[in-house]
Amino acid sequence: MSLENASDEVKLAVDLIMLLESHQIPAQTVLAALEIVQRDYANKLKNVESGSQSPEK
């Protein structure tokens, strides 16, 4: 299956999965870290939407 035509989200997800699997990080650690990342990016998005931060940050 080619990722050539996949959405950016799918491409990023595949890259992250490959990176995490190559480092043999335990699933529980990955999920805990992803929760932190999700909160961080949700806050960034909220800040961008409120105009207090540029999208690149």
PDB file of N, CA and C in Angstrom:
ATOM      1  N   MET A   1       0.844  -1.187   0.000  1.00  0.00           N
ATOM      2  CA  MET A   1       0.000   0.000   0.000  1.00  0.00           C
ATOM      3  C   MET A   1       0.881   1.239   0.000  1.00  0.00           C
ATOM      4  N   SER A   2       0.622   2.137  -0.904  1.00  0.00           N
ATOM      5  CA  SER A   2       1.419   3.346  -1.042  1.00  0.00           C
ATOM      6  C   SER A   2       0.822   4.481  -0.226  1.00  0.00           C
ATOM      7  N   LEU A   3       1.701   5.231   0.409  1.00  0.00           N
ATOM      8  CA  LEU A   3       1.253   6.398   1.168  1.00  0.00           C
ATOM      9  C   LEU A   3       1.300   7.662   0.329  1.00  0.00           C
ATOM     10  N   GLU A   4       1.675   7.500  -0.925  1.00  0.00           N
ATOM     11  CA  GLU A   4       1.856   8.640  -1.815  1.00  0.00           C
ATOM     12  C   GLU A   4       0.643   9.563  -1.833  1.00  0.00           C
ATOM     13  N   ASN A   5      -0.541   8.982  -1.874  1.00  0.00           N
ATOM     14  CA  ASN A   5      -1.764   9.776  -1.961  1.00  0.00           C
ATOM     15  C   ASN A   5      -2.481   9.918  -0.622  1.00  0.00           C
ATOM     16  N   ALA A   6      -1.848   9.448   0.441  1.00  0.00           N
ATOM     17  CA  ALA A   6      -2.474   9.520   1.762  1.00  0.00           C
ATOM     18  C   ALA A   6      -2.469  10.952   2.277  1.00  0.00           C
ATOM     19  N   SER A   7      -3.372  11.219   3.207  1.00  0.00           N
ATOM     20  CA  SER A   7      -3.433  12.547   3.815  1.00  0.00           C
ATOM     21  C   SER A   7      -2.185  12.776   4.672  1.00  0.00           C
ATOM     22  N   ASP A   8      -1.906  14.027   4.950  1.00  0.00           N
ATOM     23  CA  ASP A   8      -0.753  14.353   5.794  1.00  0.00           C
ATOM     24  C   ASP A   8      -0.865  13.697   7.164  1.00  0.00           C
ATOM     25  N   GLU A   9      -2.093  13.601   7.690  1.00  0.00           N
ATOM     26  CA  GLU A   9      -2.296  12.982   8.997  1.00  0.00           C
ATOM     27  C   GLU A   9      -1.882  11.515   8.987  1.00  0.00           C
ATOM     28  N   VAL A  10      -2.252  10.812   7.927  1.00  0.00           N
ATOM     29  CA  VAL A  10      -1.903   9.394   7.820  1.00  0.00           C
ATOM     30  C   VAL A  10      -0.395   9.236   7.667  1.00  0.00           C
ATOM     31  N   LYS A  11       0.216  10.069   6.844  1.00  0.00           N
ATOM     32  CA  LYS A  11       1.671  10.001   6.658  1.00  0.00           C
ATOM     33  C   LYS A  11       2.399  10.244   7.971  1.00  0.00           C
ATOM     34  N   LEU A  12       1.953  11.252   8.720  1.00  0.00           N
ATOM     35  CA  LEU A  12       2.583  11.545  10.007  1.00  0.00           C
ATOM     36  C   LEU A  12       2.381  10.397  10.981  1.00  0.00           C
ATOM     37  N   ALA A  13       1.175   9.842  11.018  1.00  0.00           N
ATOM     38  CA  ALA A  13       0.896   8.722  11.914  1.00  0.00           C
ATOM     39  C   ALA A  13       1.795   7.533  11.603  1.00  0.00           C
ATOM     40  N   VAL A  14       1.961   7.221  10.338  1.00  0.00           N
ATOM     41  CA  VAL A  14       2.820   6.099   9.940  1.00  0.00           C
ATOM     42  C   VAL A  14       4.266   6.373  10.351  1.00  0.00           C
ATOM     43  N   ASP A  15       4.736   7.592  10.112  1.00  0.00           N
ATOM     44  CA  ASP A  15       6.106   7.949  10.508  1.00  0.00           C
ATOM     45  C   ASP A  15       6.300   7.811  12.014  1.00  0.00           C
ATOM     46  N   LEU A  16       5.327   8.291  12.782  1.00  0.00           N
ATOM     47  CA  LEU A  16       5.432   8.204  14.242  1.00  0.00           C
ATOM     48  C   LEU A  16       5.418   6.757  14.716  1.00  0.00           C
ATOM     49  N   ILE A  17       4.536   5.952  14.150  1.00  0.00           N
ATOM     50  CA  ILE A  17       4.476   4.537  14.522  1.00  0.00           C
ATOM     51  C   ILE A  17       5.804   3.852  14.226  1.00  0.00           C
ATOM     52  N   MET A  18       6.355   4.110  13.056  1.00  0.00           N
ATOM     53  CA  MET A  18       7.635   3.485  12.689  1.00  0.00           C
ATOM     54  C   MET A  18       8.744   3.931  13.638  1.00  0.00           C
ATOM     55  N   LEU A  19       8.775   5.212  13.982  1.00  0.00           N
ATOM     56  CA  LEU A  19       9.788   5.729  14.901  1.00  0.00           C
ATOM     57  C   LEU A  19       9.658   5.083  16.275  1.00  0.00           C
ATOM     58  N   LEU A  20       8.449   5.043  16.789  1.00  0.00           N
ATOM     59  CA  LEU A  20       8.227   4.481  18.120  1.00  0.00           C
ATOM     60  C   LEU A  20       8.531   2.984  18.149  1.00  0.00           C
ATOM     61  N   GLU A  21       8.117   2.273  17.116  1.00  0.00           N
ATOM     62  CA  GLU A  21       8.395   0.835  17.064  1.00  0.00           C
ATOM     63  C   GLU A  21       9.884   0.557  16.909  1.00  0.00           C
ATOM     64  N   SER A  22      10.580   1.385  16.153  1.00  0.00           N
ATOM     65  CA  SER A  22      12.016   1.153  15.953  1.00  0.00           C
ATOM     66  C   SER A  22      12.802   1.356  17.245  1.00  0.00           C
ATOM     67  N   HIS A  23      12.253   2.156  18.155  1.00  0.00           N
ATOM     68  CA  HIS A  23      12.913   2.384  19.445  1.00  0.00           C
ATOM     69  C   HIS A  23      12.360   1.472  20.536  1.00  0.00           C
ATOM     70  N   GLN A  24      11.440   0.600  20.162  1.00  0.00           N
ATOM     71  CA  GLN A  24      10.849  -0.388  21.067  1.00  0.00           C
ATOM     72  C   GLN A  24      10.344   0.252  22.362  1.00  0.00           C
ATOM     73  N   ILE A  25       9.618   1.347  22.214  1.00  0.00           N
ATOM     74  CA  ILE A  25       9.057   2.044  23.364  1.00  0.00           C
ATOM     75  C   ILE A  25       7.775   1.321  23.780  1.00  0.00           C
ATOM     76  N   PRO A  26       7.627   1.036  25.076  1.00  0.00           N
ATOM     77  CA  PRO A  26       6.424   0.333  25.536  1.00  0.00           C
ATOM     78  C   PRO A  26       5.148   1.099  25.197  1.00  0.00           C
ATOM     79  N   ALA A  27       4.099   0.350  24.872  1.00  0.00           N
ATOM     80  CA  ALA A  27       2.831   0.951  24.453  1.00  0.00           C
ATOM     81  C   ALA A  27       2.283   1.921  25.494  1.00  0.00           C
ATOM     82  N   GLN A  28       2.383   1.578  26.765  1.00  0.00           N
ATOM     83  CA  GLN A  28       1.851   2.460  27.808  1.00  0.00           C
ATOM     84  C   GLN A  28       2.606   3.788  27.838  1.00  0.00           C
ATOM     85  N   THR A  29       3.912   3.748  27.628  1.00  0.00           N
ATOM     86  CA  THR A  29       4.717   4.970  27.583  1.00  0.00           C
ATOM     87  C   THR A  29       4.326   5.814  26.381  1.00  0.00           C
ATOM     88  N   VAL A  30       4.135   5.167  25.250  1.00  0.00           N
ATOM     89  CA  VAL A  30       3.736   5.875  24.031  1.00  0.00           C
ATOM     90  C   VAL A  30       2.397   6.570  24.239  1.00  0.00           C
ATOM     91  N   LEU A  31       1.429   5.850  24.786  1.00  0.00           N
ATOM     92  CA  LEU A  31       0.101   6.436  24.977  1.00  0.00           C
ATOM     93  C   LEU A  31       0.132   7.599  25.961  1.00  0.00           C
ATOM     94  N   ALA A  32       0.919   7.484  27.025  1.00  0.00           N
ATOM     95  CA  ALA A  32       1.040   8.581  27.988  1.00  0.00           C
ATOM     96  C   ALA A  32       1.685   9.795  27.332  1.00  0.00           C
ATOM     97  N   ALA A  33       2.712   9.561  26.536  1.00  0.00           N
ATOM     98  CA  ALA A  33       3.383  10.661  25.844  1.00  0.00           C
ATOM     99  C   ALA A  33       2.455  11.311  24.826  1.00  0.00           C
ATOM    100  N   LEU A  34       1.680  10.508  24.126  1.00  0.00           N
ATOM    101  CA  LEU A  34       0.747  11.055  23.136  1.00  0.00           C
ATOM    102  C   LEU A  34      -0.336  11.913  23.791  1.00  0.00           C
ATOM    103  N   GLU A  35      -0.743  11.561  25.005  1.00  0.00           N
ATOM    104  CA  GLU A  35      -1.701  12.400  25.731  1.00  0.00           C
ATOM    105  C   GLU A  35      -1.096  13.773  26.008  1.00  0.00           C
ATOM    106  N   ILE A  36       0.175  13.801  26.390  1.00  0.00           N
ATOM    107  CA  ILE A  36       0.868  15.067  26.641  1.00  0.00           C
ATOM    108  C   ILE A  36       0.955  15.874  25.355  1.00  0.00           C
ATOM    109  N   VAL A  37       1.330  15.212  24.274  1.00  0.00           N
ATOM    110  CA  VAL A  37       1.441  15.888  22.977  1.00  0.00           C
ATOM    111  C   VAL A  37       0.080  16.428  22.550  1.00  0.00           C
ATOM    112  N   GLN A  38      -0.968  15.639  22.735  1.00  0.00           N
ATOM    113  CA  GLN A  38      -2.302  16.079  22.341  1.00  0.00           C
ATOM    114  C   GLN A  38      -2.718  17.321  23.123  1.00  0.00           C
ATOM    115  N   ARG A  39      -2.479  17.326  24.435  1.00  0.00           N
ATOM    116  CA  ARG A  39      -2.813  18.510  25.237  1.00  0.00           C
ATOM    117  C   ARG A  39      -2.027  19.722  24.768  1.00  0.00           C
ATOM    118  N   ASP A  40      -0.739  19.533  24.507  1.00  0.00           N
ATOM    119  CA  ASP A  40       0.115  20.635  24.068  1.00  0.00           C
ATOM    120  C   ASP A  40      -0.384  21.225  22.752  1.00  0.00           C
ATOM    121  N   TYR A  41      -0.675  20.368  21.796  1.00  0.00           N
ATOM    122  CA  TYR A  41      -1.126  20.862  20.492  1.00  0.00           C
ATOM    123  C   TYR A  41      -2.544  21.419  20.547  1.00  0.00           C
ATOM    124  N   ALA A  42      -3.381  20.905  21.423  1.00  0.00           N
ATOM    125  CA  ALA A  42      -4.717  21.485  21.602  1.00  0.00           C
ATOM    126  C   ALA A  42      -4.591  22.902  22.147  1.00  0.00           C
ATOM    127  N   ASN A  43      -3.663  23.101  23.086  1.00  0.00           N
ATOM    128  CA  ASN A  43      -3.423  24.445  23.618  1.00  0.00           C
ATOM    129  C   ASN A  43      -2.857  25.366  22.550  1.00  0.00           C
ATOM    130  N   LYS A  44      -1.936  24.863  21.741  1.00  0.00           N
ATOM    131  CA  LYS A  44      -1.372  25.672  20.656  1.00  0.00           C
ATOM    132  C   LYS A  44      -2.469  26.091  19.685  1.00  0.00           C
ATOM    133  N   LEU A  45      -3.334  25.161  19.338  1.00  0.00           N
ATOM    134  CA  LEU A  45      -4.423  25.462  18.416  1.00  0.00           C
ATOM    135  C   LEU A  45      -5.366  26.502  19.011  1.00  0.00           C
ATOM    136  N   LYS A  46      -5.674  26.346  20.296  1.00  0.00           N
ATOM    137  CA  LYS A  46      -6.541  27.303  20.974  1.00  0.00           C
ATOM    138  C   LYS A  46      -5.913  28.697  20.951  1.00  0.00           C
ATOM    139  N   ASN A  47      -4.600  28.776  21.194  1.00  0.00           N
ATOM    140  CA  ASN A  47      -3.901  30.058  21.177  1.00  0.00           C
ATOM    141  C   ASN A  47      -3.898  30.674  19.786  1.00  0.00           C
ATOM    142  N   VAL A  48      -3.711  29.854  18.768  1.00  0.00           N
ATOM    143  CA  VAL A  48      -3.717  30.349  17.392  1.00  0.00           C
ATOM    144  C   VAL A  48      -5.107  30.882  17.048  1.00  0.00           C
ATOM    145  N   GLU A  49      -6.125  30.135  17.429  1.00  0.00           N
ATOM    146  CA  GLU A  49      -7.495  30.545  17.123  1.00  0.00           C
ATOM    147  C   GLU A  49      -7.883  31.827  17.839  1.00  0.00           C
ATOM    148  N   SER A  50      -7.298  32.055  19.019  1.00  0.00           N
ATOM    149  CA  SER A  50      -7.616  33.283  19.749  1.00  0.00           C
ATOM    150  C   SER A  50      -6.717  34.436  19.320  1.00  0.00           C
ATOM    151  N   GLY A  51      -5.767  34.154  18.413  1.00  0.00           N
ATOM    152  CA  GLY A  51      -4.913  35.202  17.873  1.00  0.00           C
ATOM    153  C   GLY A  51      -3.727  35.561  18.731  1.00  0.00           C
ATOM    154  N   SER A  52      -3.424  34.763  19.748  1.00  0.00           N
ATOM    155  CA  SER A  52      -2.323  35.114  20.643  1.00  0.00           C
ATOM    156  C   SER A  52      -1.000  34.480  20.257  1.00  0.00           C
ATOM    157  N   GLN A  53      -0.982  33.698  19.188  1.00  0.00           N
ATOM    158  CA  GLN A  53       0.248  33.014  18.795  1.00  0.00           C
ATOM    159  C   GLN A  53       0.182  32.706  17.312  1.00  0.00           C
ATOM    160  N   SER A  54       1.331  32.733  16.648  1.00  0.00           N
ATOM    161  CA  SER A  54       1.355  32.386  15.233  1.00  0.00           C
ATOM    162  C   SER A  54       1.275  30.879  15.069  1.00  0.00           C
ATOM    163  N   PRO A  55       0.762  30.376  13.948  1.00  0.00           N
ATOM    164  CA  PRO A  55       0.572  28.938  13.747  1.00  0.00           C
ATOM    165  C   PRO A  55       1.860  28.133  13.737  1.00  0.00           C
ATOM    166  N   GLU A  56       2.999  28.748  13.443  1.00  0.00           N
ATOM    167  CA  GLU A  56       4.246  27.989  13.344  1.00  0.00           C
ATOM    168  C   GLU A  56       4.763  27.544  14.694  1.00  0.00           C
ATOM    169  N   LYS A  57       4.341  28.149  15.759  1.00  0.00           N
ATOM    170  CA  LYS A  57       4.905  27.853  17.084  1.00  0.00           C
ATOM    171  C   LYS A  57       4.218  26.697  17.739  1.00  0.00           C
TER     172      LYS A  57
END
